[in-house]
C-alpha cells in the first residue's frame, strides 16, 4: 500500500514538473505564463494532498 502511494506521488510530481516545463516553452506573455504556472502548482498541491489523504 505504501509503495503504490509513493509511486503515485512520484508520478504526480513528475507530471507537474513536465507541465511547468511545457508552459515555459509556450509563446505566451509573461503575465499569462505566470498565472498558468500558479494554477498548475495549485492543482499539483491539491492532488498531492489528495494522495496523502488530507482531503
PDB file of N, CA and C in Angstrom:
ATOM      1  N   UNK A   1       0.829  -1.200   0.000  1.00  0.00           N
ATOM      2  CA  UNK A   1       0.000   0.000   0.000  1.00  0.00           C
ATOM      3  C   UNK A   1       0.861   1.246   0.000  1.00  0.00           C
ATOM      4  N   UNK A   2       1.887   1.270   0.839  1.00  0.00           N
ATOM      5  CA  UNK A   2       2.754   2.444   0.919  1.00  0.00           C
ATOM      6  C   UNK A   2       3.560   2.624  -0.361  1.00  0.00           C
ATOM      7  N   UNK A   3       3.942   1.519  -0.983  1.00  0.00           N
ATOM      8  CA  UNK A   3       4.726   1.614  -2.218  1.00  0.00           C
ATOM      9  C   UNK A   3       3.890   2.205  -3.348  1.00  0.00           C
ATOM     10  N   UNK A   4       2.630   1.795  -3.447  1.00  0.00           N
ATOM     11  CA  UNK A   4       1.790   2.333  -4.519  1.00  0.00           C
ATOM     12  C   UNK A   4       1.497   3.816  -4.296  1.00  0.00           C
ATOM     13  N   UNK A   5       1.347   4.212  -3.020  1.00  0.00           N
ATOM     14  CA  UNK A   5       1.127   5.627  -2.728  1.00  0.00           C
ATOM     15  C   UNK A   5       2.364   6.438  -3.081  1.00  0.00           C
ATOM     16  N   UNK A   6       3.540   5.891  -2.773  1.00  0.00           N
ATOM     17  CA  UNK A   6       4.787   6.582  -3.094  1.00  0.00           C
ATOM     18  C   UNK A   6       4.967   6.722  -4.601  1.00  0.00           C
ATOM     19  N   UNK A   7       4.631   5.686  -5.338  1.00  0.00           N
ATOM     20  CA  UNK A   7       4.720   5.749  -6.801  1.00  0.00           C
ATOM     21  C   UNK A   7       3.741   6.771  -7.357  1.00  0.00           C
ATOM     22  N   UNK A   8       2.543   6.817  -6.809  1.00  0.00           N
ATOM     23  CA  UNK A   8       1.548   7.795  -7.266  1.00  0.00           C
ATOM     24  C   UNK A   8       2.012   9.221  -6.998  1.00  0.00           C
ATOM     25  N   UNK A   9       2.599   9.447  -5.840  1.00  0.00           N
ATOM     26  CA  UNK A   9       3.114  10.776  -5.512  1.00  0.00           C
ATOM     27  C   UNK A   9       4.249  11.151  -6.448  1.00  0.00           C
ATOM     28  N   UNK A  10       5.131  10.206  -6.726  1.00  0.00           N
ATOM     29  CA  UNK A  10       6.257  10.466  -7.622  1.00  0.00           C
ATOM     30  C   UNK A  10       5.780  10.773  -9.037  1.00  0.00           C
ATOM     31  N   UNK A  11       4.819  10.011  -9.534  1.00  0.00           N
ATOM     32  CA  UNK A  11       4.287  10.253 -10.874  1.00  0.00           C
ATOM     33  C   UNK A  11       3.603  11.612 -10.943  1.00  0.00           C
ATOM     34  N   UNK A  12       2.836  11.959  -9.916  1.00  0.00           N
ATOM     35  CA  UNK A  12       2.174  13.261  -9.877  1.00  0.00           C
ATOM     36  C   UNK A  12       3.199  14.384  -9.892  1.00  0.00           C
ATOM     37  N   UNK A  13       4.250  14.245  -9.106  1.00  0.00           N
ATOM     38  CA  UNK A  13       5.300  15.259  -9.067  1.00  0.00           C
ATOM     39  C   UNK A  13       5.970  15.402 -10.437  1.00  0.00           C
ATOM     40  N   UNK A  14       6.255  14.294 -11.093  1.00  0.00           N
ATOM     41  CA  UNK A  14       6.892  14.346 -12.410  1.00  0.00           C
ATOM     42  C   UNK A  14       5.978  14.989 -13.446  1.00  0.00           C
ATOM     43  N   UNK A  15       4.677  14.726 -13.380  1.00  0.00           N
ATOM     44  CA  UNK A  15       3.731  15.340 -14.311  1.00  0.00           C
ATOM     45  C   UNK A  15       3.678  16.848 -14.083  1.00  0.00           C
ATOM     46  N   UNK A  16       3.691  17.270 -12.818  1.00  0.00           N
ATOM     47  CA  UNK A  16       3.684  18.702 -12.512  1.00  0.00           C
ATOM     48  C   UNK A  16       4.916  19.378 -13.105  1.00  0.00           C
ATOM     49  N   UNK A  17       6.075  18.766 -12.913  1.00  0.00           N
ATOM     50  CA  UNK A  17       7.321  19.335 -13.438  1.00  0.00           C
ATOM     51  C   UNK A  17       7.279  19.391 -14.967  1.00  0.00           C
ATOM     52  N   UNK A  18       6.769  18.341 -15.600  1.00  0.00           N
ATOM     53  CA  UNK A  18       6.682  18.311 -17.059  1.00  0.00           C
ATOM     54  C   UNK A  18       5.750  19.399 -17.580  1.00  0.00           C
ATOM     55  N   UNK A  19       4.592  19.568 -16.948  1.00  0.00           N
ATOM     56  CA  UNK A  19       3.642  20.595 -17.389  1.00  0.00           C
ATOM     57  C   UNK A  19       4.242  21.988 -17.200  1.00  0.00           C
ATOM     58  N   UNK A  20       4.936  22.209 -16.078  1.00  0.00           N
ATOM     59  CA  UNK A  20       5.580  23.512 -15.864  1.00  0.00           C
ATOM     60  C   UNK A  20       6.648  23.777 -16.926  1.00  0.00           C
ATOM     61  N   UNK A  21       7.383  22.753 -17.311  1.00  0.00           N
ATOM     62  CA  UNK A  21       8.382  22.907 -18.366  1.00  0.00           C
ATOM     63  C   UNK A  21       7.716  23.248 -19.697  1.00  0.00           C
ATOM     64  N   UNK A  22       6.627  22.554 -20.003  1.00  0.00           N
ATOM     65  CA  UNK A  22       5.935  22.817 -21.266  1.00  0.00           C
ATOM     66  C   UNK A  22       5.313  24.208 -21.290  1.00  0.00           C
ATOM     67  N   UNK A  23       4.839  24.690 -20.150  1.00  0.00           N
ATOM     68  CA  UNK A  23       4.294  26.046 -20.081  1.00  0.00           C
ATOM     69  C   UNK A  23       5.404  27.060 -20.371  1.00  0.00           C
ATOM     70  N   UNK A  24       6.608  26.789 -19.899  1.00  0.00           N
ATOM     71  CA  UNK A  24       7.732  27.690 -20.172  1.00  0.00           C
ATOM     72  C   UNK A  24       8.043  27.762 -21.672  1.00  0.00           C
ATOM     73  N   UNK A  25       7.798  26.671 -22.376  1.00  0.00           N
ATOM     74  CA  UNK A  25       8.111  26.609 -23.805  1.00  0.00           C
ATOM     75  C   UNK A  25       7.054  27.293 -24.675  1.00  0.00           C
ATOM     76  N   UNK A  26       5.864  27.562 -24.122  1.00  0.00           N
ATOM     77  CA  UNK A  26       4.795  28.187 -24.908  1.00  0.00           C
ATOM     78  C   UNK A  26       5.098  29.661 -25.150  1.00  0.00           C
ATOM     79  N   UNK A  27       4.734  30.143 -26.334  1.00  0.00           N
ATOM     80  CA  UNK A  27       4.945  31.567 -26.628  1.00  0.00           C
ATOM     81  C   UNK A  27       3.825  32.429 -26.033  1.00  0.00           C
ATOM     82  N   UNK A  28       3.847  32.595 -24.714  1.00  0.00           N
ATOM     83  CA  UNK A  28       2.834  33.384 -24.028  1.00  0.00           C
ATOM     84  C   UNK A  28       3.457  34.634 -23.434  1.00  0.00           C
ATOM     85  N   UNK A  29       2.607  35.598 -23.145  1.00  0.00           N
ATOM     86  CA  UNK A  29       3.034  36.790 -22.426  1.00  0.00           C
ATOM     87  C   UNK A  29       3.491  36.379 -21.024  1.00  0.00           C
ATOM     88  N   UNK A  30       4.413  37.125 -20.444  1.00  0.00           N
ATOM     89  CA  UNK A  30       4.972  36.789 -19.141  1.00  0.00           C
ATOM     90  C   UNK A  30       3.944  36.708 -18.043  1.00  0.00           C
ATOM     91  N   UNK A  31       2.983  37.629 -18.049  1.00  0.00           N
ATOM     92  CA  UNK A  31       1.955  37.653 -17.000  1.00  0.00           C
ATOM     93  C   UNK A  31       1.034  36.442 -17.103  1.00  0.00           C
ATOM     94  N   UNK A  32       0.635  36.099 -18.324  1.00  0.00           N
ATOM     95  CA  UNK A  32      -0.232  34.944 -18.538  1.00  0.00           C
ATOM     96  C   UNK A  32       0.505  33.670 -18.162  1.00  0.00           C
ATOM     97  N   UNK A  33       1.785  33.574 -18.530  1.00  0.00           N
ATOM     98  CA  UNK A  33       2.584  32.403 -18.193  1.00  0.00           C
ATOM     99  C   UNK A  33       2.664  32.233 -16.678  1.00  0.00           C
ATOM    100  N   UNK A  34       2.827  33.325 -15.955  1.00  0.00           N
ATOM    101  CA  UNK A  34       2.919  33.260 -14.504  1.00  0.00           C
ATOM    102  C   UNK A  34       1.598  32.772 -13.891  1.00  0.00           C
ATOM    103  N   UNK A  35       0.477  33.244 -14.422  1.00  0.00           N
ATOM    104  CA  UNK A  35      -0.834  32.811 -13.930  1.00  0.00           C
ATOM    105  C   UNK A  35      -1.025  31.321 -14.192  1.00  0.00           C
ATOM    106  N   UNK A  36      -0.653  30.856 -15.373  1.00  0.00           N
ATOM    107  CA  UNK A  36      -0.793  29.434 -15.705  1.00  0.00           C
ATOM    108  C   UNK A  36       0.089  28.590 -14.785  1.00  0.00           C
ATOM    109  N   UNK A  37       1.301  29.055 -14.496  1.00  0.00           N
ATOM    110  CA  UNK A  37       2.188  28.316 -13.601  1.00  0.00           C
ATOM    111  C   UNK A  37       1.606  28.223 -12.197  1.00  0.00           C
ATOM    112  N   UNK A  38       1.019  29.289 -11.710  1.00  0.00           N
ATOM    113  CA  UNK A  38       0.404  29.272 -10.381  1.00  0.00           C
ATOM    114  C   UNK A  38      -0.759  28.290 -10.349  1.00  0.00           C
ATOM    115  N   UNK A  39      -1.572  28.275 -11.409  1.00  0.00           N
ATOM    116  CA  UNK A  39      -2.707  27.345 -11.473  1.00  0.00           C
ATOM    117  C   UNK A  39      -2.208  25.902 -11.475  1.00  0.00           C
ATOM    118  N   UNK A  40      -1.165  25.615 -12.254  1.00  0.00           N
ATOM    119  CA  UNK A  40      -0.619  24.260 -12.315  1.00  0.00           C
ATOM    120  C   UNK A  40      -0.066  23.840 -10.960  1.00  0.00           C
ATOM    121  N   UNK A  41       0.635  24.734 -10.285  1.00  0.00           N
ATOM    122  CA  UNK A  41       1.197  24.417  -8.971  1.00  0.00           C
ATOM    123  C   UNK A  41       0.085  24.162  -7.957  1.00  0.00           C
ATOM    124  N   UNK A  42      -0.963  24.982  -7.975  1.00  0.00           N
ATOM    125  CA  UNK A  42      -2.074  24.769  -7.045  1.00  0.00           C
ATOM    126  C   UNK A  42      -2.780  23.439  -7.293  1.00  0.00           C
ATOM    127  N   UNK A  43      -3.016  23.105  -8.548  1.00  0.00           N
ATOM    128  CA  UNK A  43      -3.634  21.815  -8.871  1.00  0.00           C
ATOM    129  C   UNK A  43      -2.727  20.675  -8.426  1.00  0.00           C
ATOM    130  N   UNK A  44      -1.430  20.838  -8.621  1.00  0.00           N
ATOM    131  CA  UNK A  44      -0.487  19.810  -8.192  1.00  0.00           C
ATOM    132  C   UNK A  44      -0.466  19.629  -6.693  1.00  0.00           C
ATOM    133  N   UNK A  45      -0.509  20.718  -5.945  1.00  0.00           N
ATOM    134  CA  UNK A  45      -0.516  20.626  -4.484  1.00  0.00           C
ATOM    135  C   UNK A  45      -1.786  19.942  -3.999  1.00  0.00           C
ATOM    136  N   UNK A  46      -2.922  20.288  -4.596  1.00  0.00           N
ATOM    137  CA  UNK A  46      -4.183  19.662  -4.199  1.00  0.00           C
ATOM    138  C   UNK A  46      -4.154  18.160  -4.501  1.00  0.00           C
ATOM    139  N   UNK A  47      -3.619  17.778  -5.655  1.00  0.00           N
ATOM    140  CA  UNK A  47      -3.583  16.356  -5.980  1.00  0.00           C
ATOM    141  C   UNK A  47      -2.604  15.604  -5.086  1.00  0.00           C
ATOM    142  N   UNK A  48      -1.493  16.221  -4.720  1.00  0.00           N
ATOM    143  CA  UNK A  48      -0.570  15.572  -3.790  1.00  0.00           C
ATOM    144  C   UNK A  48      -1.191  15.427  -2.408  1.00  0.00           C
ATOM    145  N   UNK A  49      -1.922  16.433  -1.967  1.00  0.00           N
ATOM    146  CA  UNK A  49      -2.598  16.334  -0.678  1.00  0.00           C
ATOM    147  C   UNK A  49      -3.694  15.264  -0.700  1.00  0.00           C
ATOM    148  N   UNK A  50      -4.294  15.064  -1.869  1.00  0.00           N
ATOM    149  CA  UNK A  50      -5.293  14.011  -2.002  1.00  0.00           C
ATOM    150  C   UNK A  50      -4.656  12.638  -1.804  1.00  0.00           C
ATOM    151  N   UNK A  51      -3.458  12.447  -2.371  1.00  0.00           N
ATOM    152  CA  UNK A  51      -2.763  11.177  -2.190  1.00  0.00           C
ATOM    153  C   UNK A  51      -2.320  10.963  -0.755  1.00  0.00           C
ATOM    154  N   UNK A  52      -2.068  12.035  -0.031  1.00  0.00           N
ATOM    155  CA  UNK A  52      -1.672  11.920   1.356  1.00  0.00           C
ATOM    156  C   UNK A  52      -2.872  11.848   2.301  1.00  0.00           C
ATOM    157  N   UNK A  53      -4.068  11.760   1.730  1.00  0.00           N
ATOM    158  CA  UNK A  53      -5.323  11.588   2.466  1.00  0.00           C
ATOM    159  C   UNK A  53      -5.631  12.771   3.368  1.00  0.00           C
ATOM    160  N   UNK A  54      -5.258  13.971   2.938  1.00  0.00           N
ATOM    161  CA  UNK A  54      -5.612  15.164   3.678  1.00  0.00           C
ATOM    162  C   UNK A  54      -7.041  15.579   3.324  1.00  0.00           C
ATOM    163  N   UNK A  55      -7.384  15.391   2.035  1.00  0.00           N
ATOM    164  CA  UNK A  55      -8.738  15.710   1.587  1.00  0.00           C
ATOM    165  C   UNK A  55      -9.556  14.448   1.472  1.00  0.00           C
TER     166      UNK A  55
END
